[in-house]
Amino acid sequence: MKKTQPKTRPEAFTLDRIATPVGEVLLVVDAAGAVRAFDFTDYEARMMKLLARHYGEARLTPGRAPEAVRNAIAAYFDGDLAALDGIPVKTGGTDFQRAVWAALRTIPVGRTWSYGQLAHAIGKPAAVRAVGLANGANPIGVIVPCHRVVGANGTLTGYAGGLERKRWLLAHEASQEGTVQGAFALD
């Protein structure tokens, strides 16, 4: 007689929507208040694909994220660039991807790194392309600041929220910090 595996319940997350100066964002949190995804509403399909990849079947219930998370996001967009630092995040992904995403959170506000610098930071200097792929699969944009990564020559490269938003985020951080250190070309 063949035993069947008990079905696991799908992960349950809360889906919040928050207005920002660069468009409405989708904020997905778990029951403990950790952010699982953060993306712009016009990229909702991409976010749903990443959630499915990381968690299989997930159940999203519209609701409000914890006030501390909402307040930190509002504070960031109001100019308190350190406000996102304490937001708890939790991701699926491979060990390599999680290492890249953790390293992204160490890029100081007002600075940009190249993909090569990011690869070096995780101890894999030859893995520049893999780092780029992991960066592009980051499910928690802005909070895990993949927008701070630029091409080797300082040019703005792809950003899942669109290059105009990347440009805006870097300019926002530069205006609050005085200047963005590390070269990047706005055009």
Protein backbone atom coordinates (compact mmCIF):
# COMPACT_ATOMS: atom_id res chain seq x y z
CA MET A 1 0.00 0.00 0.00
CA LYS A 2 1.40 3.34 -1.08
CA LYS A 3 1.45 6.15 1.47
CA THR A 4 0.53 9.58 0.24
CA GLN A 5 2.41 12.60 1.42
CA PRO A 6 0.32 15.01 3.42
CA LYS A 7 -0.35 18.18 1.49
CA THR A 8 1.46 21.17 2.85
CA ARG A 9 -0.60 24.29 3.24
CA PRO A 10 0.33 27.15 0.98
CA GLU A 11 2.25 29.99 2.60
CA ALA A 12 -0.08 32.77 3.70
CA PHE A 13 1.05 36.35 3.14
CA THR A 14 -0.51 39.77 3.45
CA LEU A 15 -0.48 42.00 0.37
CA ASP A 16 -0.44 45.73 1.04
CA ARG A 17 -0.38 48.61 -1.45
CA ILE A 18 1.44 51.83 -0.66
CA ALA A 19 1.66 55.03 -2.68
CA THR A 20 5.19 56.37 -3.27
CA PRO A 21 6.55 59.27 -5.33
CA VAL A 22 7.54 56.79 -8.06
CA GLY A 23 4.31 54.82 -8.17
CA GLU A 24 2.29 52.47 -6.05
CA VAL A 25 4.19 49.54 -4.57
CA LEU A 26 3.10 46.06 -3.63
CA LEU A 27 4.36 45.00 -0.21
CA VAL A 28 4.09 41.33 0.75
CA VAL A 29 4.69 40.36 4.38
CA ASP A 30 4.44 37.14 6.34
CA ALA A 31 2.63 36.64 9.66
CA ALA A 32 5.76 37.68 11.58
CA GLY A 33 5.98 40.96 9.63
CA ALA A 34 9.02 40.04 7.53
CA VAL A 35 8.92 41.44 4.00
CA ARG A 36 8.80 38.67 1.39
CA ALA A 37 8.34 40.84 -1.72
CA PHE A 38 8.34 44.51 -2.68
CA ASP A 39 7.65 45.60 -6.23
CA PHE A 40 5.84 48.24 -8.23
CA THR A 41 2.22 47.58 -9.23
CA ASP A 42 3.05 47.75 -12.92
CA TYR A 43 5.38 44.77 -12.33
CA GLU A 44 2.87 42.69 -10.36
CA ALA A 45 3.14 39.75 -12.79
CA ARG A 46 6.90 39.59 -12.22
CA MET A 47 6.41 39.68 -8.45
CA MET A 48 3.84 36.88 -8.59
CA LYS A 49 6.22 34.78 -10.69
CA LEU A 50 9.03 35.30 -8.14
CA LEU A 51 6.71 34.43 -5.23
CA ALA A 52 5.64 31.23 -7.00
CA ARG A 53 9.26 30.34 -7.72
CA HIS A 54 10.29 30.87 -4.09
CA TYR A 55 7.25 29.55 -2.24
CA GLY A 56 5.23 27.44 -4.65
CA GLU A 57 1.58 28.09 -4.09
CA ALA A 58 1.21 31.16 -1.91
CA ARG A 59 -2.00 32.67 -0.61
CA LEU A 60 -2.09 36.47 -0.71
CA THR A 61 -4.69 38.23 1.37
CA PRO A 62 -5.18 41.97 0.95
CA GLY A 63 -4.46 43.80 4.18
CA ARG A 64 -2.08 46.16 5.95
CA ALA A 65 1.54 45.43 6.64
CA PRO A 66 2.75 46.20 10.16
CA GLU A 67 2.80 49.93 10.86
CA ALA A 68 6.54 49.83 11.59
CA VAL A 69 7.20 48.55 8.06
CA ARG A 70 4.78 51.01 6.45
CA ASN A 71 6.26 53.90 8.45
CA ALA A 72 9.82 52.93 7.49
CA ILE A 73 8.91 52.88 3.80
CA ALA A 74 7.20 56.28 4.08
CA ALA A 75 10.20 57.67 5.98
CA TYR A 76 12.61 56.45 3.27
CA PHE A 77 10.65 58.20 0.54
CA ASP A 78 10.43 61.31 2.77
CA GLY A 79 14.24 61.43 2.99
CA ASP A 80 15.21 59.23 5.97
CA LEU A 81 17.41 56.93 3.91
CA ALA A 82 18.40 54.76 6.88
CA ALA A 83 14.75 53.93 7.62
CA LEU A 84 14.79 50.73 5.53
CA ASP A 85 17.83 49.27 7.30
CA GLY A 86 15.86 47.72 10.16
CA ILE A 87 13.05 46.20 8.10
CA PRO A 88 13.13 42.42 8.47
CA VAL A 89 13.21 40.52 5.19
CA LYS A 90 12.98 36.85 4.41
CA THR A 91 13.48 35.26 1.02
CA GLY A 92 13.45 31.92 -0.67
CA GLY A 93 16.08 31.41 -3.33
CA THR A 94 19.36 29.55 -3.40
CA ASP A 95 22.16 30.05 -0.90
CA PHE A 96 24.05 31.97 -3.59
CA GLN A 97 21.11 34.29 -4.29
CA ARG A 98 20.56 34.94 -0.60
CA ALA A 99 24.28 35.80 -0.23
CA VAL A 100 23.98 38.32 -3.07
CA TRP A 101 20.81 39.81 -1.59
CA ALA A 102 22.42 40.08 1.86
CA ALA A 103 25.43 41.84 0.31
CA LEU A 104 23.12 44.32 -1.42
CA ARG A 105 21.97 45.50 2.00
CA THR A 106 25.58 46.37 2.87
CA ILE A 107 25.96 48.87 0.01
CA PRO A 108 25.89 52.20 1.83
CA VAL A 109 23.21 54.71 0.96
CA GLY A 110 24.62 57.22 -1.48
CA ARG A 111 27.02 54.73 -3.05
CA THR A 112 26.87 52.48 -6.07
CA TRP A 113 28.73 49.26 -6.70
CA SER A 114 29.44 47.44 -9.93
CA TYR A 115 28.44 43.82 -10.39
CA GLY A 116 32.14 42.99 -10.05
CA GLN A 117 32.33 44.75 -6.68
CA LEU A 118 29.25 42.85 -5.55
CA ALA A 119 30.77 39.54 -6.69
CA HIS A 120 33.95 40.41 -4.80
CA ALA A 121 31.94 41.25 -1.68
CA ILE A 122 30.49 37.73 -1.52
CA GLY A 123 33.89 36.12 -2.12
CA LYS A 124 33.12 35.02 -5.68
CA PRO A 125 35.00 37.52 -7.87
CA ALA A 126 34.63 35.38 -11.01
CA ALA A 127 30.85 35.06 -10.62
CA VAL A 128 29.94 38.46 -12.07
CA ARG A 129 27.28 37.11 -14.43
CA ALA A 130 25.73 34.90 -11.76
CA VAL A 131 25.68 37.89 -9.42
CA GLY A 132 23.88 39.88 -12.12
CA LEU A 133 21.26 37.15 -12.50
CA ALA A 134 20.76 36.94 -8.73
CA ASN A 135 20.50 40.72 -8.52
CA GLY A 136 17.81 40.65 -11.23
CA ALA A 137 15.86 37.99 -9.33
CA ASN A 138 15.75 40.01 -6.10
CA PRO A 139 12.13 39.82 -4.88
CA ILE A 140 12.48 42.72 -2.44
CA GLY A 141 13.42 45.76 -4.49
CA VAL A 142 14.33 49.08 -2.83
CA ILE A 143 14.55 47.52 0.68
CA VAL A 144 17.19 45.13 -0.67
CA PRO A 145 18.74 47.89 -2.80
CA CYS A 146 19.53 46.29 -6.13
CA HIS A 147 19.10 49.76 -7.66
CA ARG A 148 22.54 50.65 -6.24
CA VAL A 149 24.27 48.26 -8.65
CA VAL A 150 25.55 49.76 -11.91
CA GLY A 151 27.55 48.55 -14.88
CA ALA A 152 31.35 48.29 -14.74
CA ASN A 153 31.66 51.58 -16.62
CA GLY A 154 29.22 53.33 -14.28
CA THR A 155 26.21 53.23 -16.59
CA LEU A 156 22.74 52.44 -15.34
CA THR A 157 21.89 48.89 -16.27
CA GLY A 158 18.62 46.99 -16.10
CA TYR A 159 16.33 47.43 -13.15
CA ALA A 160 13.18 45.39 -12.64
CA GLY A 161 11.23 48.55 -11.74
CA GLY A 162 12.44 50.34 -14.88
CA LEU A 163 15.47 52.54 -15.48
CA GLU A 164 13.50 55.74 -14.79
CA ARG A 165 12.75 54.49 -11.27
CA LYS A 166 16.36 53.43 -10.77
CA ARG A 167 17.46 56.90 -11.86
CA TRP A 168 14.92 58.45 -9.46
CA LEU A 169 15.99 56.27 -6.50
CA LEU A 170 19.68 57.06 -7.01
CA ALA A 171 18.93 60.78 -7.38
CA HIS A 172 16.72 60.65 -4.25
CA GLU A 173 19.54 59.05 -2.28
CA ALA A 174 22.09 61.48 -3.73
CA SER A 175 19.98 64.52 -2.84
CA GLN A 176 19.68 63.38 0.75
CA GLU A 177 23.29 62.27 1.14
CA GLY A 178 24.78 65.17 -0.78
CA THR A 179 26.21 63.03 -3.57
CA VAL A 180 26.25 59.45 -4.76
CA GLN A 181 29.76 58.09 -4.44
CA GLY A 182 30.88 55.73 -7.14
CA ALA A 183 30.46 56.68 -10.73
CA PHE A 184 27.22 56.24 -12.56
CA ALA A 185 26.00 57.88 -15.68
CA LEU A 186 22.41 59.05 -15.69
CA ASP A 187 22.14 58.66 -19.46
